[in-house]
């Protein structure tokens, strides 16, 4: 660069008109050399400054990357906390737990039994029910079900009434006992688009697709169960349920009573509006003579027994029921499709020679359920009005399985029950005929208001005794959570 400037300067000097002395020329060259050196120093300084800026930019880029990574980690931690909050749990669970679904409800009930005449007493009670539980889903297709429920002290071991989880406001605000209502494990070993199959062991939930004429809704059997279903196209599902339940364990005998259950159920859709459901079931009790009133809770009445409280009949039930429903697209003051259903059921006990038949039938308009199970959601704005006529003969079923809310008034001890002191009263169970009405409404998804009325009379009474027709009224407020 110095040489180029010198040449350029020399050329410029040669082009000048006035002569220049050698001293002046040398002086000018020296000045130019100083300027060149100054420019080189400035250039080097600029290069160093540029290099320094480049290093700063690299350091800044590194810091920005570190900050961005820290922000990502913070966001991931925040998302994890939000997911934990959304899951409703503050507890750490093992990695093999995939989900927990709570199944809780609180029911407050007003229960009044109206005396038909002066022989009886009208009773009214406030009756709470609390159930706290859930279903835990594990990896490898396992579910664990657990639930605690309020338990009235009925039975030789004060383990609660197997047909009821009601308590009563009484005894000067006494504490109310709680019992184990569910304790089961379920393995869903088969799950394909067409087939599902599961195996359950423990104290399990209520058997599916049965009415209260067979199993009270609060009955939670103990033993084994197998359930299978086959989806035959988009509109038909065939299911099978098998149950092997223990009814009692005898300390000083080898004739433990147990129950065997078989069921086939078909659900069908016929176009947009019509649904049908048909069920055929068998129920058998082995060693029913061991179910004496001193061995198991004696909640219901109606079966024929001897003076020692031993059942005189076997119980080999054939159960058939069916329903057809037409679903309107909409209906005034009803949220969603409006079902109109006609239902009927027939029960025959081949283990008894008489008083061995039960049947019921009736229509329903709309649909509301108290149950807090999967599939029973988004009921806000739905209501139901239903009616059922029923005849439940005394040995059509084992009395300690059927609904405990259903009953009749007796002036004397029911026919076939052990002798002893007796006062006119209302008894639940079988040996009754009459009418059942229901009106239910869900003002919110979490709340169901449910009113029911039974107008029944006993079928058989002691000779010379007049039948009494009575009324029982229930009003429930059920919160699900």
Protein backbone atom coordinates (compact mmCIF):
# COMPACT_ATOMS: atom_id res chain seq x y z
CA UNK A 1 0.00 0.00 0.00
CA UNK A 2 2.91 2.34 0.80
CA UNK A 3 4.52 1.69 -2.58
CA UNK A 4 1.28 2.36 -4.41
CA UNK A 5 0.84 5.68 -2.69
CA UNK A 6 4.38 6.65 -3.47
CA UNK A 7 3.98 5.88 -7.14
CA UNK A 8 0.70 7.76 -7.26
CA UNK A 9 2.29 10.71 -5.57
CA UNK A 10 5.23 10.66 -7.91
CA UNK A 11 2.94 10.59 -10.90
CA UNK A 12 1.01 13.49 -9.49
CA UNK A 13 4.22 15.45 -8.95
CA UNK A 14 5.40 14.82 -12.45
CA UNK A 15 2.17 16.21 -13.74
CA UNK A 16 2.64 19.46 -11.83
CA UNK A 17 3.66 22.63 -13.68
CA UNK A 18 5.96 24.06 -10.94
CA UNK A 19 9.29 22.33 -10.18
CA UNK A 20 9.66 20.78 -6.74
CA UNK A 21 12.93 20.40 -4.84
CA UNK A 22 14.19 17.09 -3.58
CA UNK A 23 13.87 18.11 0.06
CA UNK A 24 10.27 19.07 -0.36
CA UNK A 25 9.63 15.87 -2.21
CA UNK A 26 11.20 13.80 0.55
CA UNK A 27 9.24 15.73 3.16
CA UNK A 28 5.99 15.08 1.37
CA UNK A 29 6.83 11.42 1.00
CA UNK A 30 7.54 11.19 4.73
CA UNK A 31 4.24 12.87 5.52
CA UNK A 32 2.45 10.44 3.27
CA UNK A 33 4.20 7.51 4.92
CA UNK A 34 3.05 8.79 8.32
CA UNK A 35 -0.52 9.03 7.05
CA UNK A 36 -0.30 5.53 5.63
CA UNK A 37 0.96 4.17 8.95
CA UNK A 38 -1.84 6.02 10.73
CA UNK A 39 -4.37 4.50 8.35
CA UNK A 40 -2.88 1.05 8.89
CA UNK A 41 -3.13 1.51 12.66
CA UNK A 42 -6.77 2.61 12.32
CA UNK A 43 -7.46 -0.34 10.07
CA UNK A 44 -5.89 -2.77 12.55
CA UNK A 45 -7.86 -1.17 15.34
CA UNK A 46 -11.05 -1.56 13.30
CA UNK A 47 -10.23 -5.20 12.65
CA UNK A 48 -9.67 -5.82 16.37
CA UNK A 49 -12.88 -4.00 17.18
CA UNK A 50 -14.75 -6.06 14.60
CA UNK A 51 -13.27 -9.26 16.07
CA UNK A 52 -14.24 -8.14 19.56
CA UNK A 53 -17.77 -7.42 18.38
CA UNK A 54 -17.93 -10.84 16.75
CA UNK A 55 -16.86 -12.49 20.00
CA UNK A 56 -19.44 -10.46 21.89
CA UNK A 57 -22.09 -11.52 19.39
CA UNK A 58 -21.12 -15.18 19.86
CA UNK A 59 -21.24 -14.82 23.63
CA UNK A 60 -24.57 -13.04 23.32
CA UNK A 61 -25.91 -15.83 21.11
CA UNK A 62 -24.81 -18.40 23.67
CA UNK A 63 -26.53 -16.47 26.46
CA UNK A 64 -29.70 -16.19 24.40
CA UNK A 65 -29.67 -19.94 23.77
CA UNK A 66 -29.18 -20.61 27.47
CA UNK A 67 -32.07 -18.27 28.34
CA UNK A 68 -34.31 -19.90 25.76
CA UNK A 69 -33.52 -23.36 27.13
CA UNK A 70 -34.17 -22.21 30.68
CA UNK A 71 -37.48 -20.75 29.51
CA UNK A 72 -38.39 -24.08 27.88
CA UNK A 73 -37.57 -25.93 31.10
CA UNK A 74 -39.66 -23.46 33.11
CA UNK A 75 -42.57 -23.88 30.70
CA UNK A 76 -42.31 -27.67 30.91
CA UNK A 77 -42.32 -27.49 34.71
CA UNK A 78 -45.30 -25.13 34.61
CA UNK A 79 -47.18 -27.42 32.21
CA UNK A 80 -46.51 -30.36 34.51
CA UNK A 81 -47.89 -28.43 37.48
CA UNK A 82 -50.95 -27.36 35.47
CA UNK A 83 -51.58 -30.94 34.37
CA UNK A 84 -51.26 -32.07 37.97
CA UNK A 85 -53.81 -29.44 39.02
CA UNK A 86 -56.13 -30.31 36.14
CA UNK A 87 -55.96 -33.94 37.19
CA UNK A 88 -57.34 -32.89 40.57
CA UNK A 89 -54.55 -34.62 42.47
CA UNK A 90 -51.75 -33.26 44.60
CA UNK A 91 -50.44 -36.73 45.31
CA UNK A 92 -47.72 -38.53 43.48
CA UNK A 93 -48.81 -41.85 41.97
CA UNK A 94 -46.75 -44.72 40.57
CA UNK A 95 -45.92 -44.56 36.89
CA UNK A 96 -48.05 -47.65 36.20
CA UNK A 97 -51.21 -45.75 37.25
CA UNK A 98 -52.66 -44.23 34.07
CA UNK A 99 -55.85 -42.61 35.46
CA UNK A 100 -58.06 -42.26 38.52
CA UNK A 101 -61.79 -41.61 38.16
CA UNK A 102 -63.69 -40.61 41.30
CA UNK A 103 -67.14 -42.14 41.82
CA UNK A 104 -68.64 -40.18 44.73
CA UNK A 105 -72.16 -39.14 45.64
CA UNK A 106 -74.17 -37.73 48.52
CA UNK A 107 -77.89 -38.44 48.76
CA UNK A 108 -80.29 -36.81 51.20
CA UNK A 109 -83.66 -38.57 51.36
CA UNK A 110 -87.05 -37.79 52.82
CA UNK A 111 -88.82 -41.11 53.49
CA UNK A 112 -92.47 -41.28 54.61
CA UNK A 113 -94.67 -44.34 55.03
CA UNK A 114 -98.34 -43.40 55.35
CA UNK A 115 -100.44 -45.52 57.69
CA UNK A 116 -103.61 -46.78 55.97
CA UNK A 117 -105.59 -46.86 59.23
CA UNK A 118 -105.28 -46.71 63.01
CA UNK A 119 -103.65 -50.16 63.25
CA UNK A 120 -100.44 -48.68 61.87
CA UNK A 121 -98.13 -45.75 62.55
CA UNK A 122 -97.13 -43.19 59.95
CA UNK A 123 -93.34 -42.88 59.87
CA UNK A 124 -91.17 -40.19 58.35
CA UNK A 125 -87.40 -40.10 58.34
CA UNK A 126 -84.50 -38.03 56.99
CA UNK A 127 -81.96 -40.48 55.60
CA UNK A 128 -78.48 -39.55 54.30
CA UNK A 129 -76.25 -41.72 52.13
CA UNK A 130 -72.57 -41.01 51.47
CA UNK A 131 -70.39 -43.01 49.07
CA UNK A 132 -66.71 -42.21 48.40
CA UNK A 133 -64.72 -44.23 45.92
CA UNK A 134 -63.07 -44.48 42.57
CA UNK A 135 -61.74 -46.68 39.80
CA UNK A 136 -57.97 -46.70 39.25
CA UNK A 137 -56.76 -47.74 35.80
CA UNK A 138 -53.36 -49.39 35.67
CA UNK A 139 -51.08 -50.40 32.84
CA UNK A 140 -51.50 -53.94 31.49
CA UNK A 141 -55.32 -53.58 31.36
CA UNK A 142 -56.07 -53.72 35.11
CA UNK A 143 -58.66 -51.67 37.04
CA UNK A 144 -58.96 -51.40 40.82
CA UNK A 145 -62.33 -50.41 42.25
CA UNK A 146 -62.75 -49.11 45.77
CA UNK A 147 -65.63 -47.42 47.59
CA UNK A 148 -66.71 -46.68 51.14
CA UNK A 149 -70.38 -46.20 51.95
CA UNK A 150 -72.53 -45.31 54.93
CA UNK A 151 -73.72 -48.53 56.51
CA UNK A 152 -76.74 -49.10 58.77
CA UNK A 153 -76.06 -51.55 61.57
CA UNK A 154 -78.00 -54.60 60.42
CA UNK A 155 -76.82 -58.20 60.68
CA UNK A 156 -75.09 -60.49 63.12
CA UNK A 157 -71.68 -58.87 62.52
CA UNK A 158 -73.03 -55.29 62.24
CA UNK A 159 -71.49 -55.16 58.78
CA UNK A 160 -74.36 -53.18 57.38
CA UNK A 161 -77.46 -53.96 55.37
CA UNK A 162 -76.41 -55.56 52.03
CA UNK A 163 -79.45 -53.96 50.38
CA UNK A 164 -79.12 -50.41 51.69
CA UNK A 165 -76.56 -47.70 52.34
CA UNK A 166 -79.05 -45.40 54.07
CA UNK A 167 -78.47 -43.94 57.49
CA UNK A 168 -81.12 -42.13 59.56
CA UNK A 169 -81.00 -38.86 61.46
CA UNK A 170 -81.58 -40.24 64.95
CA UNK A 171 -79.98 -41.11 68.31
CA UNK A 172 -79.09 -37.57 69.32
CA UNK A 173 -76.69 -36.84 66.47
CA UNK A 174 -74.77 -40.11 66.83
CA UNK A 175 -71.81 -40.92 64.57
CA UNK A 176 -72.74 -42.94 61.50
CA UNK A 177 -70.73 -46.07 60.60
CA UNK A 178 -69.03 -46.56 57.24
CA UNK A 179 -68.37 -49.87 55.47
CA UNK A 180 -66.41 -51.24 52.51
CA UNK A 181 -68.77 -51.18 49.53
CA UNK A 182 -66.29 -51.97 46.71
CA UNK A 183 -62.97 -53.79 46.80
CA UNK A 184 -62.32 -55.45 43.45
CA UNK A 185 -59.73 -55.97 40.72
CA UNK A 186 -60.74 -56.23 37.06
CA UNK A 187 -58.57 -57.44 34.19
CA UNK A 188 -59.78 -56.50 30.70
CA UNK A 189 -57.81 -59.13 28.84
CA UNK A 190 -59.72 -58.86 25.56
CA UNK A 191 -60.20 -55.57 23.75
CA UNK A 192 -60.50 -55.59 19.99
CA UNK A 193 -62.82 -53.50 17.77
CA UNK A 194 -65.38 -56.35 17.91
CA UNK A 195 -64.68 -58.20 21.17
CA UNK A 196 -64.15 -57.16 24.79
CA UNK A 197 -63.73 -59.41 27.78
CA UNK A 198 -63.00 -58.83 31.47
CA UNK A 199 -62.53 -60.87 34.64
CA UNK A 200 -63.36 -59.47 38.09
CA UNK A 201 -62.60 -60.70 41.60
CA UNK A 202 -63.56 -59.15 44.94
CA UNK A 203 -66.51 -57.16 46.28
CA UNK A 204 -67.75 -55.69 43.04
CA UNK A 205 -70.29 -53.27 41.60
CA UNK A 206 -73.96 -54.10 41.01
CA UNK A 207 -74.58 -56.76 38.31
CA UNK A 208 -75.49 -55.12 34.97
CA UNK A 209 -78.82 -55.19 33.11
CA UNK A 210 -80.97 -56.35 36.05
CA UNK A 211 -83.95 -54.53 37.55
CA UNK A 212 -84.66 -53.99 41.26
CA UNK A 213 -87.05 -56.94 41.13
CA UNK A 214 -83.91 -59.13 40.90
CA UNK A 215 -81.12 -57.11 42.57
CA UNK A 216 -81.44 -54.03 44.75
CA UNK A 217 -79.31 -51.22 43.26
CA UNK A 218 -77.22 -51.11 46.47
CA UNK A 219 -76.33 -54.81 46.35
CA UNK A 220 -72.58 -55.32 45.77
CA UNK A 221 -71.84 -59.06 45.42
CA UNK A 222 -68.67 -60.82 46.52
CA UNK A 223 -66.85 -63.39 44.42
CA UNK A 224 -65.99 -63.75 40.73
CA UNK A 225 -67.49 -62.35 37.53
CA UNK A 226 -66.74 -62.61 33.81
CA UNK A 227 -68.12 -60.23 31.21
CA UNK A 228 -67.86 -60.40 27.42
CA UNK A 229 -69.34 -58.40 24.57
CA UNK A 230 -69.38 -58.73 20.78
CA UNK A 231 -70.10 -55.79 18.51
CA UNK A 232 -72.01 -57.17 15.52
CA UNK A 233 -71.74 -54.16 13.25
CA UNK A 234 -72.51 -50.59 14.15
CA UNK A 235 -76.02 -51.17 15.49
CA UNK A 236 -75.99 -54.40 17.52
CA UNK A 237 -74.05 -55.45 20.63
CA UNK A 238 -74.38 -58.87 22.22
CA UNK A 239 -73.03 -59.23 25.77
CA UNK A 240 -72.70 -62.05 28.29
CA UNK A 241 -72.28 -61.84 32.06
CA UNK A 242 -71.36 -64.70 34.37
CA UNK A 243 -71.22 -64.41 38.16
CA UNK A 244 -70.17 -66.74 40.96
CA UNK A 245 -71.01 -65.08 44.30
CA UNK A 246 -70.44 -66.22 47.87
CA UNK A 247 -73.51 -65.63 50.07
CA UNK A 248 -72.13 -66.85 53.40
CA UNK A 249 -69.26 -68.81 54.99
CA UNK A 250 -70.19 -71.34 57.61
CA UNK A 251 -67.84 -71.91 60.52
CA UNK A 252 -69.23 -75.31 61.49
CA UNK A 253 -70.53 -76.71 58.20
CA UNK A 254 -69.57 -77.54 54.64
CA UNK A 255 -72.73 -76.36 52.89
CA UNK A 256 -71.77 -72.76 52.22
CA UNK A 257 -74.47 -71.02 50.15
CA UNK A 258 -73.43 -69.39 46.90
CA UNK A 259 -75.11 -67.92 43.85
CA UNK A 260 -74.46 -68.60 40.15
CA UNK A 261 -75.58 -66.09 37.55
CA UNK A 262 -75.75 -66.28 33.74
CA UNK A 263 -76.97 -63.56 31.41
CA UNK A 264 -77.27 -62.82 27.68
CA UNK A 265 -78.12 -59.27 26.65
CA UNK A 266 -78.71 -57.73 23.21
CA UNK A 267 -78.73 -53.98 22.52
CA UNK A 268 -79.88 -52.89 19.07
CA UNK A 269 -80.45 -49.70 17.11
CA UNK A 270 -82.98 -49.66 14.30
CA UNK A 271 -82.35 -46.44 12.43
CA UNK A 272 -82.10 -43.03 14.09
CA UNK A 273 -85.07 -43.32 16.41
CA UNK A 274 -85.71 -46.89 17.63
CA UNK A 275 -83.69 -48.82 20.22
CA UNK A 276 -84.43 -52.25 21.67
CA UNK A 277 -82.90 -54.26 24.51
CA UNK A 278 -83.58 -57.89 25.42
CA UNK A 279 -82.14 -59.91 28.30
CA UNK A 280 -82.37 -63.59 29.22
CA UNK A 281 -80.86 -64.60 32.58
CA UNK A 282 -80.57 -67.54 34.94
CA UNK A 283 -80.02 -67.31 38.70
CA UNK A 284 -79.34 -70.31 40.93
CA UNK A 285 -78.63 -70.54 44.65
CA UNK A 286 -76.77 -73.57 45.99
CA UNK A 287 -77.49 -74.69 49.57
CA UNK A 288 -80.28 -72.17 50.23
CA UNK A 289 -81.17 -74.01 53.46
CA UNK A 290 -78.03 -72.44 54.97
CA UNK A 291 -79.44 -68.92 54.51
CA UNK A 292 -81.27 -68.92 57.84
CA UNK A 293 -82.23 -65.61 59.42
CA UNK A 294 -79.60 -66.06 62.13
CA UNK A 295 -76.77 -66.39 59.60
CA UNK A 296 -77.36 -63.50 57.19
CA UNK A 297 -78.97 -60.03 57.58
CA UNK A 298 -82.75 -60.34 57.57
CA UNK A 299 -83.70 -57.13 55.76
CA UNK A 300 -86.57 -58.19 53.50
CA UNK A 301 -89.55 -60.50 53.85
CA UNK A 302 -91.79 -62.76 51.77
CA UNK A 303 -90.02 -66.14 51.40
CA UNK A 304 -91.48 -69.30 52.93
CA UNK A 305 -89.49 -70.53 55.96
CA UNK A 306 -89.99 -73.02 58.77
CA UNK A 307 -90.11 -72.19 62.46
CA UNK A 308 -86.29 -72.12 62.64
CA UNK A 309 -86.07 -69.57 59.84
CA UNK A 310 -84.83 -72.10 57.23
CA UNK A 311 -85.90 -71.55 53.60
CA UNK A 312 -88.26 -74.30 52.40
CA UNK A 313 -87.77 -73.72 48.65
CA UNK A 314 -84.92 -73.72 46.17
CA UNK A 315 -84.21 -70.76 43.94
CA UNK A 316 -83.67 -71.59 40.25
CA UNK A 317 -84.79 -68.45 38.44
CA UNK A 318 -85.40 -67.81 34.76
CA UNK A 319 -85.58 -64.06 34.07
CA UNK A 320 -86.64 -62.45 30.79
CA UNK A 321 -87.03 -58.75 30.14
CA UNK A 322 -87.18 -56.42 27.19
CA UNK A 323 -87.75 -52.83 26.19
CA UNK A 324 -88.41 -50.79 23.08
CA UNK A 325 -87.69 -47.07 22.94
CA UNK A 326 -88.53 -44.40 20.40
CA UNK A 327 -86.29 -41.33 20.55
CA UNK A 328 -87.74 -37.99 19.51
CA UNK A 329 -85.22 -35.47 18.18
CA UNK A 330 -86.46 -32.90 20.68
CA UNK A 331 -89.24 -32.32 23.17
CA UNK A 332 -90.44 -29.21 25.06
CA UNK A 333 -88.49 -28.49 28.27
CA UNK A 334 -86.14 -31.45 27.68
CA UNK A 335 -82.45 -31.26 26.81
CA UNK A 336 -81.37 -33.66 24.06
CA UNK A 337 -83.18 -36.55 22.32
CA UNK A 338 -86.34 -37.56 24.19
CA UNK A 339 -86.82 -41.33 24.77
CA UNK A 340 -90.28 -42.90 25.11
CA UNK A 341 -89.89 -46.46 26.40
CA UNK A 342 -92.11 -49.46 27.08
CA UNK A 343 -90.61 -52.09 29.39
CA UNK A 344 -91.58 -55.52 30.68
CA UNK A 345 -90.07 -58.28 32.85
CA UNK A 346 -91.04 -61.85 33.77
CA UNK A 347 -89.46 -64.05 36.51
CA UNK A 348 -90.19 -67.72 37.16
CA UNK A 349 -88.64 -69.66 40.03
CA UNK A 350 -88.50 -73.35 39.10
CA UNK A 351 -87.29 -74.18 42.61
CA UNK A 352 -90.72 -73.51 44.14
CA UNK A 353 -94.06 -75.11 43.28
CA UNK A 354 -96.21 -72.08 44.11
CA UNK A 355 -95.97 -68.33 44.68
CA UNK A 356 -93.06 -68.51 42.25
CA UNK A 357 -93.83 -65.84 39.62
CA UNK A 358 -93.07 -62.14 39.34
CA UNK A 359 -93.72 -59.67 36.57
CA UNK A 360 -93.75 -55.94 35.97
CA UNK A 361 -94.34 -53.61 33.04
CA UNK A 362 -94.88 -49.96 32.24
CA UNK A 363 -93.89 -46.91 30.20
CA UNK A 364 -91.34 -44.17 30.82
CA UNK A 365 -90.96 -40.73 29.26
CA UNK A 366 -87.51 -39.15 29.31
CA UNK A 367 -84.54 -40.54 31.21
CA UNK A 368 -82.62 -39.54 34.36
CA UNK A 369 -80.26 -41.71 36.42
CA UNK A 370 -78.98 -41.29 39.97
CA UNK A 371 -75.91 -43.38 39.21
CA UNK A 372 -72.47 -41.79 39.04
CA UNK A 373 -70.99 -44.21 36.50
CA UNK A 374 -69.22 -43.81 33.19
CA UNK A 375 -71.71 -42.87 30.49
CA UNK A 376 -74.14 -41.21 32.92
CA UNK A 377 -73.11 -37.59 32.31
CA UNK A 378 -74.49 -34.32 30.95
CA UNK A 379 -78.01 -34.82 32.29
CA UNK A 380 -78.69 -31.13 32.92
CA UNK A 381 -82.17 -30.24 31.71
CA UNK A 382 -83.38 -33.86 31.47
CA UNK A 383 -86.37 -35.33 33.32
CA UNK A 384 -88.28 -38.58 33.59
CA UNK A 385 -91.84 -39.65 34.30
CA UNK A 386 -92.44 -43.39 34.64
CA UNK A 387 -95.03 -45.87 35.84
CA UNK A 388 -94.74 -49.59 36.63
CA UNK A 389 -97.30 -52.20 37.59
CA UNK A 390 -95.76 -55.07 39.54
CA UNK A 391 -96.66 -58.39 41.09
CA UNK A 392 -93.90 -60.06 43.10
CA UNK A 393 -95.02 -63.36 44.59
CA UNK A 394 -93.41 -64.50 47.84
CA UNK A 395 -90.97 -67.11 46.46
CA UNK A 396 -90.33 -65.66 43.01
CA UNK A 397 -86.84 -64.62 44.17
CA UNK A 398 -84.61 -64.86 47.21
CA UNK A 399 -85.94 -62.05 49.39
CA UNK A 400 -82.50 -60.74 50.42
CA UNK A 401 -81.65 -59.75 46.84
CA UNK A 402 -84.68 -57.74 45.74
CA UNK A 403 -85.33 -54.01 46.31
CA UNK A 404 -85.57 -52.95 49.93
CA UNK A 405 -87.57 -49.77 49.19
CA UNK A 406 -90.48 -51.80 47.84
CA UNK A 407 -92.90 -53.11 50.47
CA UNK A 408 -96.39 -53.43 51.92
CA UNK A 409 -98.29 -53.17 55.23
CA UNK A 410 -99.03 -56.29 57.26
CA UNK A 411 -101.55 -56.58 60.11
CA UNK A 412 -100.09 -59.96 61.13
CA UNK A 413 -96.90 -61.88 60.50
CA UNK A 414 -96.47 -62.69 56.78
CA UNK A 415 -97.52 -66.18 55.70
CA UNK A 416 -94.58 -68.57 55.74
CA UNK A 417 -92.42 -66.63 58.20
CA UNK A 418 -91.41 -68.01 61.64
CA UNK A 419 -93.85 -67.48 64.46
CA UNK A 420 -93.25 -64.93 67.20
CA UNK A 421 -94.45 -61.62 68.50
CA UNK A 422 -95.56 -59.19 65.80
CA UNK A 423 -96.98 -55.67 65.58
CA UNK A 424 -98.70 -54.27 62.47
CA UNK A 425 -96.00 -52.61 60.38
CA UNK A 426 -94.55 -51.97 56.92
CA UNK A 427 -92.22 -54.69 55.57
CA UNK A 428 -89.98 -54.57 52.50
CA UNK A 429 -89.41 -57.40 50.05
CA UNK A 430 -91.75 -59.74 48.11
CA UNK A 431 -95.35 -60.98 48.37
CA UNK A 432 -96.79 -57.71 47.06
CA UNK A 433 -98.59 -56.20 44.10
CA UNK A 434 -99.28 -52.62 43.17
CA UNK A 435 -98.14 -49.49 41.41
CA UNK A 436 -94.87 -47.55 41.29
CA UNK A 437 -94.57 -43.95 40.08
CA UNK A 438 -91.45 -41.85 39.48
CA UNK A 439 -90.77 -38.19 38.68
CA UNK A 440 -87.12 -37.12 38.36
CA UNK A 441 -85.34 -33.97 37.14
CA UNK A 442 -81.67 -32.97 36.75
CA UNK A 443 -81.38 -29.16 37.16
CA UNK A 444 -77.58 -29.52 36.94
CA UNK A 445 -75.15 -32.18 35.74
CA UNK A 446 -74.14 -32.75 39.36
CA UNK A 447 -77.64 -32.83 40.91
CA UNK A 448 -80.66 -35.12 40.49
CA UNK A 449 -84.01 -34.57 42.20
CA UNK A 450 -86.01 -37.79 42.35
CA UNK A 451 -89.51 -38.46 43.75
CA UNK A 452 -91.05 -41.94 43.91
CA UNK A 453 -94.34 -43.34 45.20
CA UNK A 454 -95.37 -46.96 45.79
CA UNK A 455 -99.00 -47.96 46.25
CA UNK A 456 -98.91 -51.65 47.26
CA UNK A 457 -100.77 -54.36 49.11
CA UNK A 458 -99.65 -57.84 50.23
CA UNK A 459 -100.69 -60.75 48.00
CA UNK A 460 -101.10 -63.34 50.78
CA UNK A 461 -102.02 -62.63 54.40
CA UNK A 462 -102.87 -64.84 57.35
CA UNK A 463 -106.38 -66.34 57.31
CA UNK A 464 -108.96 -64.00 58.77
CA UNK A 465 -106.68 -60.95 58.30
CA UNK A 466 -107.74 -57.99 56.20
CA UNK A 467 -105.31 -56.69 53.60
CA UNK A 468 -104.01 -53.17 54.00
CA UNK A 469 -103.11 -50.96 51.06
CA UNK A 470 -100.38 -48.47 51.94
CA UNK A 471 -98.34 -45.68 50.39
CA UNK A 472 -94.61 -45.07 50.61
CA UNK A 473 -93.11 -41.78 49.39
CA UNK A 474 -89.42 -41.04 48.81
CA UNK A 475 -87.82 -37.78 47.74
CA UNK A 476 -84.07 -37.81 46.96
CA UNK A 477 -81.58 -35.03 46.31
CA UNK A 478 -78.42 -36.64 44.89
CA UNK A 479 -75.16 -34.74 44.34
CA UNK A 480 -72.46 -36.44 42.24
CA UNK A 481 -68.82 -35.43 42.60
